[in-house]
Amino acid sequence: GSSRDRFAARLKWWVLPFRRAAQRSGLTQALGLWLMDPRWPKLKFIDPSPFLVKSNALVVESGIFRFSNWRKLLYDRRLRPIVEDRRCAIFCYGLSSATGARIRFAEFECSDYDYVLSFEHDDQLSFAALQMKQLPSEHLNSSATIEQQIKKLKKYASSSDLVVAIHVGRNVEIDLAALDLTDLPIGELWLFGQTSDNSWRMLGDLLSSDPCSIAFTLPKT
């Protein structure tokens, strides 16, 4: 992949074989009906596909890649919202591609989650809470590990319905069998990252008895 791709994460899934999510008996718990905050239906939900196309163009046109420290610049307070929204959009787009559902997102920061997802399930409009996390690139924090990021999730003492998606932002081999997923007080755990210039893979739900590996390509136009 390009050295200028801020969102690179070449994942190698060593444990589980590739299967499309549609081959599972139940797609994912995220496509179920959960208790809903009455404010959720009033949120402005974003379609991830056009958002990704527009955000990619904005980043390229900004000329940020001309600077040697462009990775750190993307963490500037002024750019952080679009970078974080882009990660969420990638996750939603991947899940949409796998399930066939139209999954959209809206920002909604509270103590336990950053976004709300909307989707149709059983002919009903449904919602789910999503918390985005990240394993940063080695350029930003070489000592961080996926194990540390998962351990931090144990702080969510009362979030059994929460979906957590961790963006893996580096070239790393992950031994899923070695991950300690015990006593995580969340509903679902997903990992996702980039495998080539425009190709991504996501894996989840890691807390289910039948997780799946999903490959998808981001829209260009």
C-alpha atoms as a PDB file:
ATOM      1  CA  GLY A   1       0.000   0.000   0.000  1.00  0.00           C
ATOM      2  CA  SER A   2       0.976   3.615  -0.327  1.00  0.00           C
ATOM      3  CA  SER A   3       3.232   5.048   2.380  1.00  0.00           C
ATOM      4  CA  ARG A   4       0.918   8.056   2.332  1.00  0.00           C
ATOM      5  CA  ASP A   5      -2.120   6.105   3.412  1.00  0.00           C
ATOM      6  CA  ARG A   6      -2.813   7.310   6.945  1.00  0.00           C
ATOM      7  CA  PHE A   7      -5.305   4.523   7.531  1.00  0.00           C
ATOM      8  CA  ALA A   8      -3.068   1.573   6.623  1.00  0.00           C
ATOM      9  CA  ALA A   9      -3.302  -1.592   8.696  1.00  0.00           C
ATOM     10  CA  ARG A  10      -2.304  -4.762   6.909  1.00  0.00           C
ATOM     11  CA  LEU A  11      -3.966  -7.426   8.989  1.00  0.00           C
ATOM     12  CA  LYS A  12      -3.202 -11.142   8.742  1.00  0.00           C
ATOM     13  CA  TRP A  13      -5.965 -13.319  10.152  1.00  0.00           C
ATOM     14  CA  TRP A  14      -4.241 -16.523  11.169  1.00  0.00           C
ATOM     15  CA  VAL A  15      -6.959 -18.251  13.148  1.00  0.00           C
ATOM     16  CA  LEU A  16     -10.306 -18.042  11.355  1.00  0.00           C
ATOM     17  CA  PRO A  17     -10.975 -18.905   7.700  1.00  0.00           C
ATOM     18  CA  PHE A  18     -12.664 -16.360   5.444  1.00  0.00           C
ATOM     19  CA  ARG A  19     -16.468 -16.592   5.425  1.00  0.00           C
ATOM     20  CA  ARG A  20     -19.008 -14.064   4.317  1.00  0.00           C
ATOM     21  CA  ALA A  21     -21.217 -12.866   7.150  1.00  0.00           C
ATOM     22  CA  ALA A  22     -24.304 -13.961   5.228  1.00  0.00           C
ATOM     23  CA  GLN A  23     -23.245 -17.558   5.799  1.00  0.00           C
ATOM     24  CA  ARG A  24     -23.750 -17.225   9.526  1.00  0.00           C
ATOM     25  CA  SER A  25     -26.923 -18.350  11.230  1.00  0.00           C
ATOM     26  CA  GLY A  26     -27.466 -14.875  12.685  1.00  0.00           C
ATOM     27  CA  LEU A  27     -25.663 -12.003  11.007  1.00  0.00           C
ATOM     28  CA  THR A  28     -24.572 -10.114  14.110  1.00  0.00           C
ATOM     29  CA  GLN A  29     -26.079  -9.030  17.357  1.00  0.00           C
ATOM     30  CA  ALA A  30     -25.755  -5.467  16.063  1.00  0.00           C
ATOM     31  CA  LEU A  31     -28.697  -6.182  13.770  1.00  0.00           C
ATOM     32  CA  GLY A  32     -31.028  -6.776  16.661  1.00  0.00           C
ATOM     33  CA  LEU A  33     -33.429  -4.568  18.574  1.00  0.00           C
ATOM     34  CA  TRP A  34     -31.935  -2.913  21.635  1.00  0.00           C
ATOM     35  CA  LEU A  35     -33.189  -0.509  24.235  1.00  0.00           C
ATOM     36  CA  MET A  36     -33.187   2.883  22.568  1.00  0.00           C
ATOM     37  CA  ASP A  37     -32.462   6.386  23.778  1.00  0.00           C
ATOM     38  CA  PRO A  38     -35.487   8.487  22.725  1.00  0.00           C
ATOM     39  CA  ARG A  39     -33.097  11.040  21.193  1.00  0.00           C
ATOM     40  CA  TRP A  40     -31.640   8.580  18.687  1.00  0.00           C
ATOM     41  CA  PRO A  41     -34.389   8.717  16.009  1.00  0.00           C
ATOM     42  CA  LYS A  42     -33.974  12.505  15.820  1.00  0.00           C
ATOM     43  CA  LEU A  43     -30.270  12.349  14.958  1.00  0.00           C
ATOM     44  CA  LYS A  44     -28.955  13.204  11.501  1.00  0.00           C
ATOM     45  CA  PHE A  45     -27.630   9.900  10.177  1.00  0.00           C
ATOM     46  CA  ILE A  46     -24.899   9.797   7.529  1.00  0.00           C
ATOM     47  CA  ASP A  47     -24.601   7.347   4.649  1.00  0.00           C
ATOM     48  CA  PRO A  48     -21.004   6.027   4.853  1.00  0.00           C
ATOM     49  CA  SER A  49     -20.452   5.581   1.094  1.00  0.00           C
ATOM     50  CA  PRO A  50     -20.707   9.222  -0.111  1.00  0.00           C
ATOM     51  CA  PHE A  51     -19.076  10.391   3.122  1.00  0.00           C
ATOM     52  CA  LEU A  52     -15.993   8.253   2.416  1.00  0.00           C
ATOM     53  CA  VAL A  53     -15.713   9.526  -1.151  1.00  0.00           C
ATOM     54  CA  LYS A  54     -15.942  13.161  -0.048  1.00  0.00           C
ATOM     55  CA  SER A  55     -13.614  12.798   2.949  1.00  0.00           C
ATOM     56  CA  ASN A  56     -10.934  11.110   0.833  1.00  0.00           C
ATOM     57  CA  ALA A  57     -11.035  13.974  -1.647  1.00  0.00           C
ATOM     58  CA  LEU A  58     -10.828  16.580   1.129  1.00  0.00           C
ATOM     59  CA  VAL A  59      -7.755  14.982   2.704  1.00  0.00           C
ATOM     60  CA  VAL A  60      -5.921  14.701  -0.631  1.00  0.00           C
ATOM     61  CA  GLU A  61      -6.837  18.230  -1.731  1.00  0.00           C
ATOM     62  CA  SER A  62      -5.625  19.659   1.567  1.00  0.00           C
ATOM     63  CA  GLY A  63      -2.027  18.929   0.556  1.00  0.00           C
ATOM     64  CA  ILE A  64      -1.286  17.465   3.976  1.00  0.00           C
ATOM     65  CA  PHE A  65       0.814  14.639   2.509  1.00  0.00           C
ATOM     66  CA  ARG A  66       3.469  17.154   1.461  1.00  0.00           C
ATOM     67  CA  PHE A  67       4.600  17.352   5.077  1.00  0.00           C
ATOM     68  CA  SER A  68       6.904  14.759   6.599  1.00  0.00           C
ATOM     69  CA  ASN A  69       4.898  14.757   9.835  1.00  0.00           C
ATOM     70  CA  TRP A  70       1.508  14.301   8.115  1.00  0.00           C
ATOM     71  CA  ARG A  71       0.560  11.427  10.441  1.00  0.00           C
ATOM     72  CA  LYS A  72       0.765  13.697  13.488  1.00  0.00           C
ATOM     73  CA  LEU A  73      -1.002  16.507  11.655  1.00  0.00           C
ATOM     74  CA  LEU A  74      -4.021  14.263  11.144  1.00  0.00           C
ATOM     75  CA  TYR A  75      -4.343  14.149  14.924  1.00  0.00           C
ATOM     76  CA  ASP A  76      -4.595  17.917  15.093  1.00  0.00           C
ATOM     77  CA  ARG A  77      -7.634  18.983  17.067  1.00  0.00           C
ATOM     78  CA  ARG A  78      -9.104  20.662  13.980  1.00  0.00           C
ATOM     79  CA  LEU A  79      -8.929  17.509  11.854  1.00  0.00           C
ATOM     80  CA  ARG A  80      -9.801  14.956  14.516  1.00  0.00           C
ATOM     81  CA  PRO A  81     -13.578  14.952  13.916  1.00  0.00           C
ATOM     82  CA  ILE A  82     -13.324  14.044  10.234  1.00  0.00           C
ATOM     83  CA  VAL A  83     -10.619  11.427  10.907  1.00  0.00           C
ATOM     84  CA  GLU A  84     -12.710   9.776  13.612  1.00  0.00           C
ATOM     85  CA  ASP A  85     -15.883   9.975  11.524  1.00  0.00           C
ATOM     86  CA  ARG A  86     -14.029   8.353   8.634  1.00  0.00           C
ATOM     87  CA  ARG A  87     -13.066   5.379  10.781  1.00  0.00           C
ATOM     88  CA  CYS A  88     -16.678   4.964  11.818  1.00  0.00           C
ATOM     89  CA  ALA A  89     -17.809   5.255   8.192  1.00  0.00           C
ATOM     90  CA  ILE A  90     -15.368   2.530   7.121  1.00  0.00           C
ATOM     91  CA  PHE A  91     -16.678   0.192   9.810  1.00  0.00           C
ATOM     92  CA  CYS A  92     -20.294   0.873   8.842  1.00  0.00           C
ATOM     93  CA  TYR A  93     -19.554   0.465   5.141  1.00  0.00           C
ATOM     94  CA  GLY A  94     -17.867  -2.880   5.758  1.00  0.00           C
ATOM     95  CA  LEU A  95     -20.732  -4.132   7.882  1.00  0.00           C
ATOM     96  CA  SER A  96     -23.212  -2.930   5.263  1.00  0.00           C
ATOM     97  CA  SER A  97     -21.303  -4.739   2.525  1.00  0.00           C
ATOM     98  CA  ALA A  98     -21.320  -7.958   4.508  1.00  0.00           C
ATOM     99  CA  THR A  99     -24.921  -7.946   5.677  1.00  0.00           C
ATOM    100  CA  GLY A 100     -26.718  -6.181   2.845  1.00  0.00           C
ATOM    101  CA  ALA A 101     -28.308  -3.818   5.352  1.00  0.00           C
ATOM    102  CA  ARG A 102     -28.162  -0.055   4.899  1.00  0.00           C
ATOM    103  CA  ILE A 103     -26.205   0.948   7.985  1.00  0.00           C
ATOM    104  CA  ARG A 104     -25.758   4.666   8.687  1.00  0.00           C
ATOM    105  CA  PHE A 105     -24.121   6.499  11.570  1.00  0.00           C
ATOM    106  CA  ALA A 106     -24.556   9.636  13.651  1.00  0.00           C
ATOM    107  CA  GLU A 107     -22.242  11.216  16.197  1.00  0.00           C
ATOM    108  CA  PHE A 108     -23.600  11.013  19.725  1.00  0.00           C
ATOM    109  CA  GLU A 109     -20.980  11.286  22.447  1.00  0.00           C
ATOM    110  CA  CYS A 110     -21.840  10.070  25.918  1.00  0.00           C
ATOM    111  CA  SER A 111     -20.046   8.226  28.686  1.00  0.00           C
ATOM    112  CA  ASP A 112     -19.947   4.842  26.938  1.00  0.00           C
ATOM    113  CA  TYR A 113     -20.228   5.437  23.199  1.00  0.00           C
ATOM    114  CA  ASP A 114     -19.412   7.900  20.416  1.00  0.00           C
ATOM    115  CA  TYR A 115     -21.874   6.983  17.669  1.00  0.00           C
ATOM    116  CA  VAL A 116     -25.320   5.586  17.040  1.00  0.00           C
ATOM    117  CA  LEU A 117     -25.973   3.249  14.107  1.00  0.00           C
ATOM    118  CA  SER A 118     -29.301   3.018  12.315  1.00  0.00           C
ATOM    119  CA  PHE A 119     -30.440   0.136  10.107  1.00  0.00           C
ATOM    120  CA  GLU A 120     -33.527  -1.747   9.026  1.00  0.00           C
ATOM    121  CA  HIS A 121     -34.119  -5.085  10.728  1.00  0.00           C
ATOM    122  CA  ASP A 122     -37.249  -7.197  10.302  1.00  0.00           C
ATOM    123  CA  ASP A 123     -38.864  -4.264   8.450  1.00  0.00           C
ATOM    124  CA  GLN A 124     -38.251  -1.981  11.413  1.00  0.00           C
ATOM    125  CA  LEU A 125     -35.830   0.897  11.856  1.00  0.00           C
ATOM    126  CA  SER A 126     -33.391  -0.188  14.551  1.00  0.00           C
ATOM    127  CA  PHE A 127     -30.501   1.427  16.384  1.00  0.00           C
ATOM    128  CA  ALA A 128     -27.300   0.408  18.156  1.00  0.00           C
ATOM    129  CA  ALA A 129     -24.641   2.195  20.219  1.00  0.00           C
ATOM    130  CA  LEU A 130     -21.057   2.110  18.877  1.00  0.00           C
ATOM    131  CA  GLN A 131     -17.766   2.932  20.571  1.00  0.00           C
ATOM    132  CA  MET A 132     -14.767   3.381  18.266  1.00  0.00           C
ATOM    133  CA  LYS A 133     -11.263   2.522  19.481  1.00  0.00           C
ATOM    134  CA  GLN A 134      -7.881   2.463  17.783  1.00  0.00           C
ATOM    135  CA  LEU A 135      -4.547   0.678  17.881  1.00  0.00           C
ATOM    136  CA  PRO A 136      -2.417   3.593  16.600  1.00  0.00           C
ATOM    137  CA  SER A 137       0.351   3.273  14.053  1.00  0.00           C
ATOM    138  CA  GLU A 138       3.862   2.547  15.291  1.00  0.00           C
ATOM    139  CA  HIS A 139       4.861   6.065  14.213  1.00  0.00           C
ATOM    140  CA  LEU A 140       2.539   7.462  16.874  1.00  0.00           C
ATOM    141  CA  ASN A 141       2.839   4.903  19.664  1.00  0.00           C
ATOM    142  CA  SER A 142       5.071   1.897  19.076  1.00  0.00           C
ATOM    143  CA  SER A 143       4.489   0.496  22.574  1.00  0.00           C
ATOM    144  CA  ALA A 144       0.694   0.191  22.236  1.00  0.00           C
ATOM    145  CA  THR A 145      -0.723  -3.316  21.716  1.00  0.00           C
ATOM    146  CA  ILE A 146      -4.083  -4.782  20.803  1.00  0.00           C
ATOM    147  CA  GLU A 147      -4.078  -6.578  24.150  1.00  0.00           C
ATOM    148  CA  GLN A 148      -3.859  -3.233  25.955  1.00  0.00           C
ATOM    149  CA  GLN A 149      -6.731  -1.795  23.950  1.00  0.00           C
ATOM    150  CA  ILE A 150      -8.947  -4.781  24.759  1.00  0.00           C
ATOM    151  CA  LYS A 151      -8.040  -4.667  28.451  1.00  0.00           C
ATOM    152  CA  LYS A 152      -9.200  -1.036  28.609  1.00  0.00           C
ATOM    153  CA  LEU A 153     -12.681  -2.161  27.591  1.00  0.00           C
ATOM    154  CA  LYS A 154     -13.201  -3.716  31.012  1.00  0.00           C
ATOM    155  CA  LYS A 155     -13.939  -0.238  32.358  1.00  0.00           C
ATOM    156  CA  TYR A 156     -17.386  -0.354  30.728  1.00  0.00           C
ATOM    157  CA  ALA A 157     -19.104  -1.791  33.765  1.00  0.00           C
ATOM    158  CA  SER A 158     -22.672  -1.525  32.486  1.00  0.00           C
ATOM    159  CA  SER A 159     -22.452  -1.695  28.692  1.00  0.00           C
ATOM    160  CA  SER A 160     -23.614  -5.192  27.824  1.00  0.00           C
ATOM    161  CA  ASP A 161     -25.366  -3.870  24.701  1.00  0.00           C
ATOM    162  CA  LEU A 162     -22.415  -1.836  23.423  1.00  0.00           C
ATOM    163  CA  VAL A 163     -20.702  -2.563  20.086  1.00  0.00           C
ATOM    164  CA  VAL A 164     -16.952  -1.794  20.134  1.00  0.00           C
ATOM    165  CA  ALA A 165     -14.927  -1.556  16.912  1.00  0.00           C
ATOM    166  CA  ILE A 166     -11.127  -1.309  17.091  1.00  0.00           C
ATOM    167  CA  HIS A 167      -9.339   0.128  14.079  1.00  0.00           C
ATOM    168  CA  VAL A 168      -5.934  -1.570  13.805  1.00  0.00           C
ATOM    169  CA  GLY A 169      -3.682   1.117  12.364  1.00  0.00           C
ATOM    170  CA  ARG A 170      -0.497  -0.820  11.754  1.00  0.00           C
ATOM    171  CA  ASN A 171       1.019  -3.879  10.098  1.00  0.00           C
ATOM    172  CA  VAL A 172       0.507  -6.552  12.717  1.00  0.00           C
ATOM    173  CA  GLU A 173      -0.123 -10.247  13.121  1.00  0.00           C
ATOM    174  CA  ILE A 174      -2.911 -11.003  15.579  1.00  0.00           C
ATOM    175  CA  ASP A 175      -3.246 -14.403  17.218  1.00  0.00           C
ATOM    176  CA  LEU A 176      -6.931 -14.410  18.087  1.00  0.00           C
ATOM    177  CA  ALA A 177      -6.620 -17.507  20.240  1.00  0.00           C
ATOM    178  CA  ALA A 178      -4.161 -15.668  22.502  1.00  0.00           C
ATOM    179  CA  LEU A 179      -6.442 -12.688  23.156  1.00  0.00           C
ATOM    180  CA  ASP A 180      -8.009 -12.513  26.610  1.00  0.00           C
ATOM    181  CA  LEU A 181     -11.677 -11.748  25.938  1.00  0.00           C
ATOM    182  CA  THR A 182     -12.984 -12.932  29.290  1.00  0.00           C
ATOM    183  CA  ASP A 183     -15.161 -10.686  31.442  1.00  0.00           C
ATOM    184  CA  LEU A 184     -15.566  -7.959  28.824  1.00  0.00           C
ATOM    185  CA  PRO A 185     -18.755  -6.083  29.800  1.00  0.00           C
ATOM    186  CA  ILE A 186     -19.698  -5.205  26.216  1.00  0.00           C
ATOM    187  CA  GLY A 187     -22.039  -6.693  23.651  1.00  0.00           C
ATOM    188  CA  GLU A 188     -19.757  -7.086  20.642  1.00  0.00           C
ATOM    189  CA  LEU A 189     -16.101  -6.669  19.678  1.00  0.00           C
ATOM    190  CA  TRP A 190     -14.859  -6.106  16.114  1.00  0.00           C
ATOM    191  CA  LEU A 191     -11.392  -5.534  14.634  1.00  0.00           C
ATOM    192  CA  PHE A 192     -10.869  -3.910  11.244  1.00  0.00           C
ATOM    193  CA  GLY A 193      -7.970  -2.623   9.176  1.00  0.00           C
ATOM    194  CA  GLN A 194      -6.580  -2.052   5.715  1.00  0.00           C
ATOM    195  CA  THR A 195      -5.007  -4.902   3.749  1.00  0.00           C
ATOM    196  CA  SER A 196      -3.994  -3.004   0.594  1.00  0.00           C
ATOM    197  CA  ASP A 197      -4.503   0.399  -1.032  1.00  0.00           C
ATOM    198  CA  ASN A 198      -8.299   0.307  -1.039  1.00  0.00           C
ATOM    199  CA  SER A 199      -9.094  -3.076   0.485  1.00  0.00           C
ATOM    200  CA  TRP A 200     -10.071  -3.756   4.062  1.00  0.00           C
ATOM    201  CA  ARG A 201     -10.923  -6.686   6.301  1.00  0.00           C
ATOM    202  CA  MET A 202     -12.972  -6.873   9.467  1.00  0.00           C
ATOM    203  CA  LEU A 203     -13.353  -9.667  11.961  1.00  0.00           C
ATOM    204  CA  GLY A 204     -16.136 -10.153  14.465  1.00  0.00           C
ATOM    205  CA  ASP A 205     -18.011 -10.450  16.537  1.00  0.00           C
ATOM    206  CA  LEU A 206     -15.110 -11.843  18.579  1.00  0.00           C
ATOM    207  CA  LEU A 207     -17.407 -12.388  21.554  1.00  0.00           C
ATOM    208  CA  SER A 208     -19.775 -14.622  19.600  1.00  0.00           C
ATOM    209  CA  SER A 209     -19.444 -18.361  19.145  1.00  0.00           C
ATOM    210  CA  ASP A 210     -19.242 -17.937  15.378  1.00  0.00           C
ATOM    211  CA  PRO A 211     -17.182 -14.867  14.374  1.00  0.00           C
ATOM    212  CA  CYS A 212     -16.552 -14.229  10.685  1.00  0.00           C
ATOM    213  CA  SER A 213     -13.891 -12.639   8.530  1.00  0.00           C
ATOM    214  CA  ILE A 214     -15.180 -10.047   6.052  1.00  0.00           C
ATOM    215  CA  ALA A 215     -13.250  -8.513   3.143  1.00  0.00           C
ATOM    216  CA  PHE A 216     -14.495  -5.335   1.457  1.00  0.00           C
ATOM    217  CA  THR A 217     -13.344  -2.517  -0.831  1.00  0.00           C
ATOM    218  CA  LEU A 218     -14.042   1.150  -0.157  1.00  0.00           C
ATOM    219  CA  PRO A 219     -15.962   3.223  -2.715  1.00  0.00           C
ATOM    220  CA  LYS A 220     -13.908   5.513  -4.956  1.00  0.00           C
ATOM    221  CA  THR A 221     -16.689   7.470  -6.647  1.00  0.00           C
END
